[in-house]
Amino acid sequence: MLQGYTLTNIIIFAAIAIAAMCIDLFFHRKDKLITITNAAIWSSIWVLISASFAVYIGMTHGVDKASLFISGYMLEQSLSVDNLFVIMAILSNFGVKEQYQHRVLFYGIIGAIILRFIFIAIGTSLLLLGKWILALFGILVMWSAWHMYQASKKEKIEIVDYTHHWSVRLAGRIFPVHPENRGNSFFVKIDKKLFITPLMLCLITVNIVDIIFAFDSVPAIIAITQEPFLVYTSNIFAVLGLRSMFFLVSGAKRYLRHLEKAVIFILVFIGFKMLIGVTEIIHITSLVSLIVVMVSLFTGIVASLIFPKKD
């Protein structure tokens, strides 16, 4: 299952991730607004941590494995851009104040770490059934690209009211729900009876939506590498940096209008790689995959700067 990775590798990964999360939580322990400067600094820190782990992988398992890790990491980051805007809509519809958004995102990421582990374990285990699973994943990735392309042609003016999301209705049937938020509390006790607050409902919805996102991103990363350790670590390091990226993307995406096209191209390439990988006619190396991902993202960013949105 570890495919050449030792218990030491797992411990080092866990130690780095937990230590960085604790430090992040310590510096953001108070409910304050997250500034663009703060978000930029912490986004840079998370990228540096991820790059350091990639160097560690390269030193212990070779440059090829490090390339696979970086490819998976960059792919998850690029796929997360649109996902962050869905989370923004969720926070907005639940009326979460800006000073409490960091708290929701922090615990949402903890939930995502646990749920992604289960999801990736299932996904990589399915590969044991045969190469046809890779073909199925390839078709799923191609479908995601087509779905994203169709959505990009529509005017994104409709905002779904996530307060009526099925996960919220389900939670309301299981737990008594208090109609109002009480500061940053997920639970409130009234007359010796425990209620969950709308803030907790928001957190539940964010985690459920993250699972839906995983149906796109996890198969795409599995297309790059089928090693569970690299799939999980690249996925988690990308997820850990999403909270800081959240506050950056809100102001930057309007200027990166061509980035989505680059992500669509990457998905098509990955889906194609999975399908031809089953036939074993052509073998696309990890270095080629990394170059395609990096060049595509760079092209999307540069094109957005050269050809900005007219309005």
Protein backbone atom coordinates (compact mmCIF):
# COMPACT_ATOMS: atom_id res chain seq x y z
CA MET A 1 0.00 0.00 0.00
CA LEU A 2 2.87 2.39 0.84
CA GLN A 3 4.64 1.50 -2.42
CA GLY A 4 8.16 2.24 -1.21
CA TYR A 5 7.27 4.98 1.28
CA THR A 6 8.23 4.35 4.89
CA LEU A 7 6.60 5.10 8.22
CA THR A 8 9.21 7.84 8.63
CA ASN A 9 7.91 9.56 5.48
CA ILE A 10 4.38 9.48 6.87
CA ILE A 11 5.47 10.82 10.27
CA ILE A 12 7.43 13.68 8.68
CA PHE A 13 4.45 14.61 6.49
CA ALA A 14 2.06 14.53 9.46
CA ALA A 15 4.47 16.50 11.68
CA ILE A 16 4.93 19.25 9.07
CA ALA A 17 1.20 19.52 8.36
CA ILE A 18 0.14 19.54 12.04
CA ALA A 19 2.89 21.96 13.11
CA ALA A 20 2.05 24.40 10.30
CA MET A 21 -1.67 24.22 11.09
CA CYS A 22 -1.02 24.89 14.80
CA ILE A 23 1.18 27.88 14.00
CA ASP A 24 -1.42 29.20 11.56
CA LEU A 25 -4.18 28.78 14.16
CA PHE A 26 -2.05 30.50 16.81
CA PHE A 27 -1.51 33.59 14.66
CA HIS A 28 -5.21 33.68 13.75
CA ARG A 29 -6.61 32.72 17.15
CA LYS A 30 -8.53 35.99 17.43
CA ASP A 31 -11.57 36.76 15.32
CA LYS A 32 -10.14 39.49 13.13
CA LEU A 33 -10.55 40.43 9.49
CA ILE A 34 -7.99 38.74 7.22
CA THR A 35 -6.24 41.41 5.18
CA ILE A 36 -4.92 40.92 1.66
CA THR A 37 -1.38 41.35 2.99
CA ASN A 38 -1.90 38.70 5.65
CA ALA A 39 -3.44 36.32 3.09
CA ALA A 40 -0.55 36.91 0.67
CA ILE A 41 2.04 36.21 3.37
CA TRP A 42 0.38 33.00 4.53
CA SER A 43 -0.24 31.83 0.97
CA SER A 44 3.49 32.26 0.32
CA ILE A 45 4.29 30.34 3.51
CA TRP A 46 2.09 27.41 2.50
CA VAL A 47 3.64 27.33 -0.98
CA LEU A 48 7.12 27.37 0.60
CA ILE A 49 6.18 24.51 2.94
CA SER A 50 4.81 22.48 0.03
CA ALA A 51 7.93 23.19 -2.04
CA SER A 52 10.13 22.11 0.88
CA PHE A 53 8.25 18.83 1.11
CA ALA A 54 8.69 18.34 -2.64
CA VAL A 55 12.45 18.79 -2.13
CA TYR A 56 12.32 16.20 0.66
CA ILE A 57 10.52 13.77 -1.67
CA GLY A 58 13.15 14.43 -4.34
CA MET A 59 16.01 13.77 -1.91
CA THR A 60 14.52 10.53 -0.57
CA HIS A 61 12.74 9.07 -3.61
CA GLY A 62 14.10 10.88 -6.65
CA VAL A 63 13.27 13.81 -8.89
CA ASP A 64 10.59 11.85 -10.75
CA LYS A 65 8.52 11.40 -7.58
CA ALA A 66 8.99 15.06 -6.68
CA SER A 67 7.67 16.01 -10.14
CA LEU A 68 4.58 13.89 -9.54
CA PHE A 69 4.00 15.59 -6.20
CA ILE A 70 4.36 19.09 -7.68
CA SER A 71 2.06 18.23 -10.61
CA GLY A 72 -0.63 16.96 -8.25
CA TYR A 73 -0.22 19.96 -5.97
CA MET A 74 -0.49 22.51 -8.77
CA LEU A 75 -3.44 20.70 -10.31
CA GLU A 76 -5.38 20.74 -7.03
CA GLN A 77 -4.56 24.43 -6.54
CA SER A 78 -5.78 25.32 -10.02
CA LEU A 79 -8.98 23.31 -9.66
CA SER A 80 -9.70 25.02 -6.35
CA VAL A 81 -10.06 28.52 -7.81
CA ASP A 82 -13.68 28.09 -8.89
CA ASN A 83 -14.44 26.02 -5.80
CA LEU A 84 -13.44 28.93 -3.57
CA PHE A 85 -16.13 31.09 -5.14
CA VAL A 86 -18.75 28.49 -4.30
CA ILE A 87 -17.54 28.64 -0.69
CA MET A 88 -17.82 32.44 -0.82
CA ALA A 89 -21.45 32.07 -1.88
CA ILE A 90 -22.07 29.64 0.99
CA LEU A 91 -20.57 32.02 3.57
CA SER A 92 -22.55 34.90 2.12
CA ASN A 93 -25.88 33.07 2.16
CA PHE A 94 -25.38 32.03 5.77
CA GLY A 95 -24.54 35.61 6.70
CA VAL A 96 -21.16 34.69 8.20
CA LYS A 97 -19.36 37.84 9.28
CA GLU A 98 -15.91 38.38 7.78
CA GLN A 99 -14.14 38.06 11.14
CA TYR A 100 -15.61 34.55 11.59
CA GLN A 101 -14.92 33.27 8.08
CA HIS A 102 -11.40 32.17 8.99
CA ARG A 103 -12.80 29.97 11.78
CA VAL A 104 -15.28 28.25 9.45
CA LEU A 105 -12.60 27.69 6.80
CA PHE A 106 -10.08 26.35 9.33
CA TYR A 107 -12.39 23.67 10.69
CA GLY A 108 -13.71 23.05 7.20
CA ILE A 109 -10.18 22.19 6.09
CA ILE A 110 -9.75 19.81 9.05
CA GLY A 111 -12.92 18.04 7.92
CA ALA A 112 -11.63 18.01 4.33
CA ILE A 113 -8.36 16.36 5.45
CA ILE A 114 -10.28 13.48 7.03
CA LEU A 115 -12.81 13.11 4.22
CA ARG A 116 -10.15 13.34 1.48
CA PHE A 117 -8.21 10.53 3.17
CA ILE A 118 -11.26 8.27 2.97
CA PHE A 119 -12.03 9.33 -0.60
CA ILE A 120 -8.45 8.86 -1.84
CA ALA A 121 -8.17 5.49 -0.07
CA ILE A 122 -11.29 4.30 -1.89
CA GLY A 123 -10.14 5.76 -5.23
CA THR A 124 -6.67 4.23 -5.16
CA SER A 125 -8.06 0.91 -3.93
CA LEU A 126 -10.36 0.75 -6.95
CA LEU A 127 -7.26 0.69 -9.16
CA LEU A 128 -6.63 -2.84 -7.91
CA LEU A 129 -9.70 -3.94 -9.89
CA GLY A 130 -7.89 -3.37 -13.16
CA LYS A 131 -6.80 -0.77 -15.70
CA TRP A 132 -10.38 -0.20 -16.84
CA ILE A 133 -10.81 1.90 -13.68
CA LEU A 134 -8.25 4.34 -15.10
CA ALA A 135 -10.32 4.59 -18.27
CA LEU A 136 -13.40 5.30 -16.13
CA PHE A 137 -11.51 8.01 -14.24
CA GLY A 138 -10.31 9.44 -17.56
CA ILE A 139 -13.89 9.72 -18.81
CA LEU A 140 -14.90 11.36 -15.51
CA VAL A 141 -12.11 13.93 -15.86
CA MET A 142 -13.11 14.62 -19.48
CA TRP A 143 -16.71 15.10 -18.34
CA SER A 144 -15.53 17.57 -15.68
CA ALA A 145 -13.69 19.55 -18.36
CA TRP A 146 -16.79 19.60 -20.59
CA HIS A 147 -18.99 20.64 -17.66
CA MET A 148 -16.58 23.45 -16.77
CA TYR A 149 -16.47 24.58 -20.40
CA GLN A 150 -20.27 24.71 -20.65
CA ALA A 151 -20.48 26.63 -17.37
CA SER A 152 -17.87 29.14 -18.56
CA LYS A 153 -20.10 30.13 -21.49
CA LYS A 154 -23.01 31.05 -19.22
CA GLU A 155 -23.47 34.28 -17.34
CA LYS A 156 -22.63 33.53 -13.72
CA ILE A 157 -25.20 35.81 -12.16
CA GLU A 158 -27.33 33.32 -10.25
CA ILE A 159 -26.32 32.58 -6.68
CA VAL A 160 -27.73 29.44 -5.15
CA ASP A 161 -29.22 29.85 -1.68
CA TYR A 162 -27.15 27.29 0.21
CA THR A 163 -29.25 27.74 3.34
CA HIS A 164 -31.65 25.30 1.64
CA HIS A 165 -28.93 22.84 0.67
CA TRP A 166 -29.89 19.20 1.32
CA SER A 167 -27.10 18.83 3.86
CA VAL A 168 -28.61 21.69 5.86
CA ARG A 169 -32.07 20.13 5.78
CA LEU A 170 -30.63 16.78 6.85
CA ALA A 171 -28.69 18.31 9.73
CA GLY A 172 -31.83 20.13 10.85
CA ARG A 173 -33.66 16.80 11.14
CA ILE A 174 -30.90 15.28 13.28
CA PHE A 175 -29.99 18.23 15.52
CA PRO A 176 -32.08 21.05 16.98
CA VAL A 177 -31.06 24.25 15.21
CA HIS A 178 -30.91 27.69 16.83
CA PRO A 179 -32.20 30.36 14.42
CA GLU A 180 -29.41 32.87 15.15
CA ASN A 181 -25.62 32.87 15.30
CA ARG A 182 -23.97 33.40 18.66
CA GLY A 183 -20.62 34.94 17.82
CA ASN A 184 -18.13 32.30 16.67
CA SER A 185 -19.88 29.40 18.43
CA PHE A 186 -20.89 26.26 16.56
CA PHE A 187 -23.07 25.13 19.46
CA VAL A 188 -25.21 26.95 21.99
CA LYS A 189 -26.84 25.62 25.17
CA ILE A 190 -30.28 26.93 26.12
CA ASP A 191 -32.26 25.54 29.07
CA LYS A 192 -29.85 22.60 29.28
CA LYS A 193 -30.59 21.73 25.66
CA LEU A 194 -27.80 21.78 23.05
CA PHE A 195 -28.47 23.49 19.71
CA ILE A 196 -26.31 23.87 16.62
CA THR A 197 -26.00 27.36 15.20
CA PRO A 198 -26.27 28.49 11.56
CA LEU A 199 -22.46 28.77 11.68
CA MET A 200 -22.31 24.99 12.24
CA LEU A 201 -24.77 24.43 9.39
CA CYS A 202 -22.48 26.51 7.19
CA LEU A 203 -19.50 24.36 8.20
CA ILE A 204 -21.45 21.18 7.39
CA THR A 205 -22.40 22.53 3.97
CA VAL A 206 -18.79 23.52 3.20
CA ASN A 207 -17.60 19.98 3.99
CA ILE A 208 -20.35 18.35 1.93
CA VAL A 209 -19.54 20.60 -1.04
CA ASP A 210 -15.83 19.73 -0.65
CA ILE A 211 -16.72 16.06 -1.12
CA ILE A 212 -18.46 17.01 -4.36
CA PHE A 213 -15.34 18.91 -5.43
CA ALA A 214 -13.26 15.81 -4.69
CA PHE A 215 -15.12 13.89 -7.41
CA ASP A 216 -13.34 16.17 -9.90
CA SER A 217 -9.93 16.72 -8.33
CA VAL A 218 -9.06 13.31 -6.89
CA PRO A 219 -9.53 11.34 -10.16
CA ALA A 220 -7.48 14.03 -11.93
CA ILE A 221 -4.59 13.64 -9.48
CA ILE A 222 -4.84 9.84 -9.67
CA ALA A 223 -4.31 10.30 -13.41
CA ILE A 224 -0.92 11.84 -12.65
CA THR A 225 0.15 9.25 -10.09
CA GLN A 226 -1.48 6.16 -8.62
CA GLU A 227 0.70 6.17 -5.49
CA PRO A 228 -1.60 6.86 -2.50
CA PHE A 229 1.13 8.68 -0.54
CA LEU A 230 1.78 11.21 -3.32
CA VAL A 231 -1.92 11.59 -4.13
CA TYR A 232 -2.81 12.31 -0.50
CA THR A 233 0.14 14.54 0.40
CA SER A 234 -0.13 16.71 -2.73
CA ASN A 235 -3.88 16.99 -2.21
CA ILE A 236 -3.62 17.87 1.48
CA PHE A 237 -0.83 20.44 1.12
CA ALA A 238 -2.95 22.16 -1.53
CA VAL A 239 -6.03 22.03 0.71
CA LEU A 240 -4.10 23.45 3.68
CA GLY A 241 -3.27 26.58 1.71
CA LEU A 242 -6.83 27.16 0.48
CA ARG A 243 -7.87 29.24 3.48
CA SER A 244 -5.27 31.91 2.77
CA MET A 245 -5.88 31.65 -0.97
CA PHE A 246 -9.59 32.24 -0.30
CA PHE A 247 -8.97 35.85 0.70
CA LEU A 248 -6.63 36.41 -2.26
CA VAL A 249 -8.83 34.87 -4.93
CA SER A 250 -11.82 37.04 -3.99
CA GLY A 251 -10.00 40.04 -5.38
CA ALA A 252 -7.86 38.41 -8.05
CA LYS A 253 -10.15 36.13 -10.04
CA ARG A 254 -11.91 38.97 -11.82
CA TYR A 255 -8.57 39.78 -13.45
CA LEU A 256 -7.70 36.15 -14.31
CA ARG A 257 -10.46 35.62 -16.84
CA HIS A 258 -8.43 33.16 -18.95
CA LEU A 259 -7.24 30.98 -16.06
CA GLU A 260 -10.37 28.83 -16.28
CA LYS A 261 -9.57 28.02 -19.91
CA ALA A 262 -6.12 26.84 -18.83
CA VAL A 263 -7.67 24.58 -16.18
CA ILE A 264 -10.06 23.10 -18.77
CA PHE A 265 -7.11 22.34 -21.07
CA ILE A 266 -5.24 20.67 -18.20
CA LEU A 267 -8.25 18.46 -17.44
CA VAL A 268 -8.54 17.45 -21.10
CA PHE A 269 -4.83 16.60 -21.19
CA ILE A 270 -5.07 14.53 -18.01
CA GLY A 271 -8.16 12.69 -19.20
CA PHE A 272 -6.38 11.92 -22.49
CA LYS A 273 -3.32 10.73 -20.57
CA MET A 274 -5.44 8.31 -18.54
CA LEU A 275 -7.18 6.89 -21.59
CA ILE A 276 -4.01 6.29 -23.62
CA GLY A 277 -2.33 4.97 -20.48
CA VAL A 278 -4.80 2.10 -20.48
CA THR A 279 -3.87 1.19 -24.06
CA GLU A 280 -0.13 1.48 -23.26
CA ILE A 281 0.47 2.89 -26.74
CA ILE A 282 2.14 6.06 -25.45
CA HIS A 283 3.64 6.71 -22.02
CA ILE A 284 3.56 10.33 -20.86
CA THR A 285 6.20 10.86 -18.18
CA SER A 286 5.71 12.78 -14.95
CA LEU A 287 8.09 15.51 -16.18
CA VAL A 288 5.96 16.07 -19.29
CA SER A 289 2.82 16.25 -17.12
CA LEU A 290 4.48 18.82 -14.84
CA ILE A 291 5.59 20.94 -17.81
CA VAL A 292 2.10 20.88 -19.35
CA VAL A 293 0.48 21.92 -16.05
CA MET A 294 2.97 24.73 -15.37
CA VAL A 295 2.96 26.10 -18.94
CA SER A 296 -0.84 26.00 -19.10
CA LEU A 297 -1.29 27.89 -15.82
CA PHE A 298 1.41 30.41 -16.78
CA THR A 299 -0.22 30.96 -20.17
CA GLY A 300 -3.64 31.46 -18.58
CA ILE A 301 -2.28 34.07 -16.15
CA VAL A 302 -0.26 35.95 -18.80
CA ALA A 303 -3.19 35.93 -21.24
CA SER A 304 -5.42 37.38 -18.51
CA LEU A 305 -2.98 40.23 -17.97
CA ILE A 306 -2.50 40.93 -21.69
CA PHE A 307 -6.18 40.56 -22.63
CA PRO A 308 -8.12 41.74 -19.57
CA LYS A 309 -11.88 41.83 -19.34
CA LYS A 310 -13.14 44.92 -21.17
CA ASP A 311 -15.80 45.88 -18.65
